[in-house]
Amino acid sequence: MAKQACPTLQIDNDRVRVTEWRFAPGAATGYHRHEMDYVVVPLTSGRLRLVEPAGTREVGLEAGASYTRPAGVEHDVINANDFEFAFVEIELKGS
């Protein structure tokens, strides 16, 4: 069984949910579907492996280079590095 990524909930209110995710090498979130639009802020630079309905791919992320995705994204996120990887995920609950 793969190691599990470690989520730490930082904020959860009526507007946003902010979670810090830390991944040991090879750790994964588990396959999931995002129910809200979200922003990811990488805390480290490295590569993540994404297992998606269309297949598996690797993406490079740079510390501080944020990106956004819409609700409905489905994937498993896996640390493809030989070091810890971390990011902050900000889910937007709407107004």
Protein backbone atom coordinates (compact mmCIF):
# COMPACT_ATOMS: atom_id res chain seq x y z
CA MET A 1 0.00 0.00 0.00
CA ALA A 2 1.28 3.47 -0.91
CA LYS A 3 2.14 5.98 1.78
CA GLN A 4 -0.54 8.57 2.37
CA ALA A 5 0.06 12.30 1.99
CA CYS A 6 -0.47 14.23 5.23
CA PRO A 7 -3.12 16.99 5.15
CA THR A 8 -3.23 19.70 7.82
CA LEU A 9 -6.41 21.79 7.81
CA GLN A 10 -5.47 25.42 8.46
CA ILE A 11 -8.72 27.32 7.78
CA ASP A 12 -12.28 26.14 7.17
CA ASN A 13 -14.95 28.83 7.13
CA ASP A 14 -17.92 29.81 4.99
CA ARG A 15 -15.68 31.16 2.17
CA VAL A 16 -12.55 28.96 1.95
CA ARG A 17 -10.90 25.75 3.09
CA VAL A 18 -7.10 25.95 3.33
CA THR A 19 -5.12 22.71 3.67
CA GLU A 20 -1.37 22.19 3.78
CA TRP A 21 -0.38 18.91 2.09
CA ARG A 22 2.95 17.20 2.85
CA PHE A 23 4.11 14.20 0.84
CA ALA A 24 6.94 11.87 1.80
CA PRO A 25 8.66 10.41 -1.28
CA GLY A 26 6.11 8.22 -3.07
CA ALA A 27 3.19 9.35 -0.87
CA ALA A 28 -0.22 9.90 -2.49
CA THR A 29 -3.49 11.68 -1.76
CA GLY A 30 -5.59 8.78 -3.02
CA TYR A 31 -7.94 9.15 -5.98
CA HIS A 32 -10.45 11.96 -5.40
CA ARG A 33 -12.74 14.48 -7.11
CA HIS A 34 -12.57 18.20 -6.34
CA GLU A 35 -16.02 19.55 -5.47
CA MET A 36 -14.88 23.21 -5.47
CA ASP A 37 -12.65 25.47 -7.58
CA TYR A 38 -9.21 25.55 -5.98
CA VAL A 39 -5.79 27.20 -5.95
CA VAL A 40 -2.52 25.37 -5.27
CA VAL A 41 0.52 27.22 -3.87
CA PRO A 42 3.62 24.99 -4.05
CA LEU A 43 5.92 25.35 -1.02
CA THR A 44 8.72 23.36 -2.67
CA SER A 45 9.87 22.79 -6.24
CA GLY A 46 9.68 19.33 -7.76
CA ARG A 47 7.57 16.84 -9.72
CA LEU A 48 4.15 15.39 -9.01
CA ARG A 49 2.68 12.33 -10.75
CA LEU A 50 -1.01 12.72 -11.58
CA VAL A 51 -3.18 9.67 -12.19
CA GLU A 52 -6.18 11.01 -14.13
CA PRO A 53 -9.06 9.48 -16.10
CA ALA A 54 -7.09 10.10 -19.34
CA GLY A 55 -3.91 8.47 -18.01
CA THR A 56 -0.84 9.22 -15.92
CA ARG A 57 1.46 12.23 -16.36
CA GLU A 58 4.13 14.09 -14.42
CA VAL A 59 4.16 17.83 -13.89
CA GLY A 60 6.87 20.14 -12.60
CA LEU A 61 5.98 22.71 -9.97
CA GLU A 62 8.01 25.66 -8.71
CA ALA A 63 7.85 26.98 -5.15
CA GLY A 64 5.58 30.02 -5.03
CA ALA A 65 4.19 29.58 -8.58
CA SER A 66 0.47 29.23 -7.86
CA TYR A 67 -2.10 27.75 -10.22
CA THR A 68 -5.86 27.21 -10.21
CA ARG A 69 -8.18 24.40 -11.32
CA PRO A 70 -11.97 24.19 -11.62
CA ALA A 71 -14.30 21.99 -9.62
CA GLY A 72 -14.69 18.52 -11.09
CA VAL A 73 -11.00 17.62 -11.45
CA GLU A 74 -10.42 13.93 -10.63
CA HIS A 75 -6.99 12.53 -9.86
CA ASP A 76 -4.54 10.88 -7.48
CA VAL A 77 -1.53 13.08 -6.68
CA ILE A 78 1.77 11.31 -5.96
CA ASN A 79 5.14 12.74 -4.94
CA ALA A 80 7.53 11.67 -7.73
CA ASN A 81 10.59 13.10 -5.93
CA ASP A 82 13.09 11.47 -3.57
CA PHE A 83 12.44 14.29 -1.06
CA GLU A 84 9.41 15.67 0.79
CA PHE A 85 7.07 17.78 -1.34
CA ALA A 86 4.52 20.26 0.05
CA PHE A 87 1.83 22.62 -1.17
CA VAL A 88 -1.06 24.65 0.21
CA GLU A 89 -4.48 24.02 -1.36
CA ILE A 90 -7.11 26.76 -1.12
CA GLU A 91 -10.64 25.59 -1.96
CA LEU A 92 -13.12 28.34 -2.85
CA LYS A 93 -16.58 27.76 -1.43
CA GLY A 94 -18.27 30.56 -3.35
CA SER A 95 -20.08 33.62 -2.06
